[in-house]
Amino acid sequence: FEGREYTNAEQLDFACRLARVLKEHGVQPGDRVVVMMMTCVEVPAAFQAIWRIGAVIVPIMPQLIAPEVAYIVENSGAQIVLTSPQLAPVVAEATEGLSAFREILVFGKSDAPGATNIQPQIAAAEPEPDIVEKSDDDLAVLVYTSGTTGHPKGVMLTHGALIDNAQAVAELFSD
């Protein structure tokens, strides 16, 4: 990515450190965590970290504007947003005044109100060794529709559905 190669071990280590930081910021199993980032190596690490601690991913496209982000954050019940420095101002505008919202965690420096640069915390964190056990019926991802006919709607994807999908694709291409 952008001239640098990452091994699976490096990516896992980063995800485990991020998982520890998320836990230190109060993220618990079942919590919804928004991931709104530009294309970067932190995106797959965020997904791994969130699932590792048993939380639910709420991905948001980086092209959305503040009112659209606000609706999804509030509707999903997310209290934390993981984001990129260039998107932190949009997230700050979107989450201003949302009573249940707690924190904007940024992978880098940002002047956005309420934004916390978590890169130093990740660098200093011990990797989270544990993985929270989840059942096939537990929610893994809450994906929002485009909302072309009204407000976007949250589509609930379980861990079992994601596994079934991966297996179906593998079988399709195994011949």
Protein backbone atom coordinates (compact mmCIF):
# COMPACT_ATOMS: atom_id res chain seq x y z
CA PHE A 1 0.00 0.00 0.00
CA GLU A 2 1.45 3.35 -1.12
CA GLY A 3 4.89 1.80 -1.64
CA ARG A 4 5.00 -0.25 1.56
CA GLU A 5 4.38 -3.96 1.99
CA TYR A 6 2.75 -5.43 5.08
CA THR A 7 3.00 -9.04 6.18
CA ASN A 8 0.02 -10.88 7.64
CA ALA A 9 1.87 -10.94 10.98
CA GLU A 10 2.34 -7.15 10.93
CA GLN A 11 -1.31 -6.59 10.03
CA LEU A 12 -2.48 -8.94 12.80
CA ASP A 13 -0.19 -7.28 15.36
CA PHE A 14 -1.57 -3.85 14.43
CA ALA A 15 -5.16 -5.14 14.66
CA CYS A 16 -4.49 -6.69 18.08
CA ARG A 17 -2.98 -3.43 19.34
CA LEU A 18 -5.96 -1.51 17.99
CA ALA A 19 -8.30 -3.99 19.71
CA ARG A 20 -6.59 -3.22 23.02
CA VAL A 21 -6.95 0.53 22.43
CA LEU A 22 -10.65 0.13 21.58
CA LYS A 23 -11.18 -1.81 24.82
CA GLU A 24 -9.36 0.95 26.73
CA HIS A 25 -11.82 3.41 25.18
CA GLY A 26 -14.70 1.36 26.57
CA VAL A 27 -15.78 -0.65 23.52
CA GLN A 28 -17.46 -3.85 24.65
CA PRO A 29 -18.97 -6.90 22.94
CA GLY A 30 -22.08 -5.94 21.00
CA ASP A 31 -21.20 -2.24 20.77
CA ARG A 32 -21.50 -0.68 17.34
CA VAL A 33 -18.32 0.98 16.03
CA VAL A 34 -18.44 3.13 12.90
CA VAL A 35 -15.55 2.74 10.47
CA MET A 36 -15.44 5.75 8.14
CA MET A 37 -12.07 5.95 6.44
CA MET A 38 -10.39 6.56 3.14
CA THR A 39 -8.76 3.51 1.55
CA CYS A 40 -5.87 2.67 3.86
CA VAL A 41 -4.22 -0.22 5.71
CA GLU A 42 -6.13 0.70 8.86
CA VAL A 43 -9.46 -0.42 7.36
CA PRO A 44 -8.84 -4.20 7.45
CA ALA A 45 -7.10 -3.80 10.81
CA ALA A 46 -10.17 -1.97 12.16
CA PHE A 47 -12.46 -4.77 11.02
CA GLN A 48 -10.22 -7.41 12.65
CA ALA A 49 -9.92 -5.40 15.87
CA ILE A 50 -13.64 -4.74 16.19
CA TRP A 51 -14.56 -8.38 15.62
CA ARG A 52 -11.76 -9.55 17.92
CA ILE A 53 -13.38 -7.75 20.87
CA GLY A 54 -16.89 -8.86 19.89
CA ALA A 55 -18.19 -5.50 18.69
CA VAL A 56 -20.19 -4.76 15.52
CA ILE A 57 -18.81 -2.92 12.49
CA VAL A 58 -20.86 -0.09 10.98
CA PRO A 59 -19.05 0.84 7.75
CA ILE A 60 -19.77 4.28 6.31
CA MET A 61 -18.67 5.41 2.87
CA PRO A 62 -16.22 8.34 3.11
CA GLN A 63 -18.19 10.30 0.50
CA LEU A 64 -21.18 10.88 2.79
CA ILE A 65 -21.88 14.35 4.15
CA ALA A 66 -22.40 15.24 7.81
CA PRO A 67 -26.24 14.93 7.95
CA GLU A 68 -26.05 11.45 6.35
CA VAL A 69 -23.31 10.38 8.76
CA ALA A 70 -25.28 11.79 11.70
CA TYR A 71 -28.33 9.74 10.76
CA ILE A 72 -26.35 6.48 10.54
CA VAL A 73 -24.40 7.09 13.75
CA GLU A 74 -27.56 7.87 15.69
CA ASN A 75 -29.71 5.16 14.10
CA SER A 76 -27.08 2.46 14.64
CA GLY A 77 -26.46 3.43 18.25
CA ALA A 78 -22.72 3.78 17.60
CA GLN A 79 -20.83 5.60 20.33
CA ILE A 80 -17.39 5.48 18.68
CA VAL A 81 -16.19 6.39 15.17
CA LEU A 82 -12.84 5.27 13.76
CA THR A 83 -11.78 7.64 11.01
CA SER A 84 -9.03 9.21 8.94
CA PRO A 85 -7.69 12.72 9.65
CA GLN A 86 -9.21 14.14 6.47
CA LEU A 87 -12.69 12.83 7.43
CA ALA A 88 -12.59 13.82 11.12
CA PRO A 89 -14.14 17.27 10.49
CA VAL A 90 -17.17 15.66 8.79
CA VAL A 91 -17.52 13.19 11.67
CA ALA A 92 -17.18 15.99 14.24
CA GLU A 93 -19.92 18.00 12.53
CA ALA A 94 -22.11 14.90 12.26
CA THR A 95 -21.77 13.83 15.89
CA GLU A 96 -22.07 17.27 17.47
CA GLY A 97 -25.07 17.19 19.75
CA LEU A 98 -25.72 13.43 19.54
CA SER A 99 -26.38 12.61 23.19
CA ALA A 100 -25.32 8.94 23.14
CA PHE A 101 -22.16 9.51 21.10
CA ARG A 102 -18.82 9.36 22.97
CA GLU A 103 -15.68 9.61 20.86
CA ILE A 104 -14.00 10.21 17.51
CA LEU A 105 -10.85 8.10 17.24
CA VAL A 106 -8.51 9.18 14.44
CA PHE A 107 -5.58 7.39 12.83
CA GLY A 108 -3.46 10.54 12.86
CA LYS A 109 -3.52 14.17 13.94
CA SER A 110 -6.67 16.20 13.52
CA ASP A 111 -7.86 19.61 14.63
CA ALA A 112 -11.49 18.47 14.52
CA PRO A 113 -13.32 19.11 17.80
CA GLY A 114 -13.38 16.02 20.01
CA ALA A 115 -11.00 14.03 17.82
CA THR A 116 -8.36 11.84 19.50
CA ASN A 117 -5.25 10.72 17.62
CA ILE A 118 -4.92 7.06 18.60
CA GLN A 119 -1.70 6.32 16.72
CA PRO A 120 0.52 6.87 19.81
CA GLN A 121 -1.82 4.68 21.88
CA ILE A 122 -1.68 1.89 19.29
CA ALA A 123 2.12 2.07 19.13
CA ALA A 124 2.36 1.76 22.93
CA ALA A 125 -0.38 -0.87 23.38
CA GLU A 126 0.18 -4.51 24.17
CA PRO A 127 -1.57 -6.69 21.57
CA GLU A 128 -4.97 -8.00 22.71
CA PRO A 129 -4.51 -11.80 22.83
CA ASP A 130 -8.14 -12.79 23.37
CA ILE A 131 -10.91 -13.24 20.83
CA VAL A 132 -14.49 -12.91 22.05
CA GLU A 133 -16.50 -15.99 21.09
CA LYS A 134 -19.53 -15.19 18.97
CA SER A 135 -22.28 -17.46 17.70
CA ASP A 136 -23.37 -17.74 14.07
CA ASP A 137 -26.49 -15.71 14.95
CA ASP A 138 -24.60 -12.79 16.50
CA LEU A 139 -24.52 -9.52 14.59
CA ALA A 140 -21.17 -8.88 12.83
CA VAL A 141 -21.83 -5.95 10.49
CA LEU A 142 -24.56 -3.35 10.20
CA VAL A 143 -24.46 -2.05 6.61
CA TYR A 144 -26.67 0.86 5.61
CA THR A 145 -28.46 1.03 2.27
CA SER A 146 -28.06 4.04 -0.01
CA GLY A 147 -31.35 5.54 1.12
CA THR A 148 -32.52 6.43 -2.38
CA THR A 149 -36.21 6.21 -1.41
CA GLY A 150 -35.91 7.61 2.11
CA HIS A 151 -33.58 7.24 5.05
CA PRO A 152 -30.92 4.51 4.74
CA LYS A 153 -31.86 1.26 6.42
CA GLY A 154 -29.51 -0.87 8.47
CA VAL A 155 -28.98 -4.36 7.02
CA MET A 156 -27.92 -6.80 9.71
CA LEU A 157 -25.31 -9.38 8.72
CA THR A 158 -24.49 -12.14 11.18
CA HIS A 159 -21.19 -13.95 11.63
CA GLY A 160 -22.85 -17.08 10.22
CA ALA A 161 -24.03 -15.24 7.11
CA LEU A 162 -20.52 -13.93 6.45
CA ILE A 163 -19.04 -17.42 6.87
CA ASP A 164 -21.68 -18.95 4.59
CA ASN A 165 -20.99 -16.30 1.96
CA ALA A 166 -17.22 -16.90 2.08
CA GLN A 167 -17.74 -20.66 1.79
CA ALA A 168 -20.12 -20.25 -1.16
CA VAL A 169 -17.62 -18.05 -3.00
CA ALA A 170 -14.80 -20.51 -2.25
CA GLU A 171 -16.87 -23.40 -3.63
CA LEU A 172 -17.78 -21.39 -6.71
CA PHE A 173 -14.13 -20.82 -7.57
CA SER A 174 -12.70 -24.14 -6.37
CA ASP A 175 -13.26 -26.00 -9.65
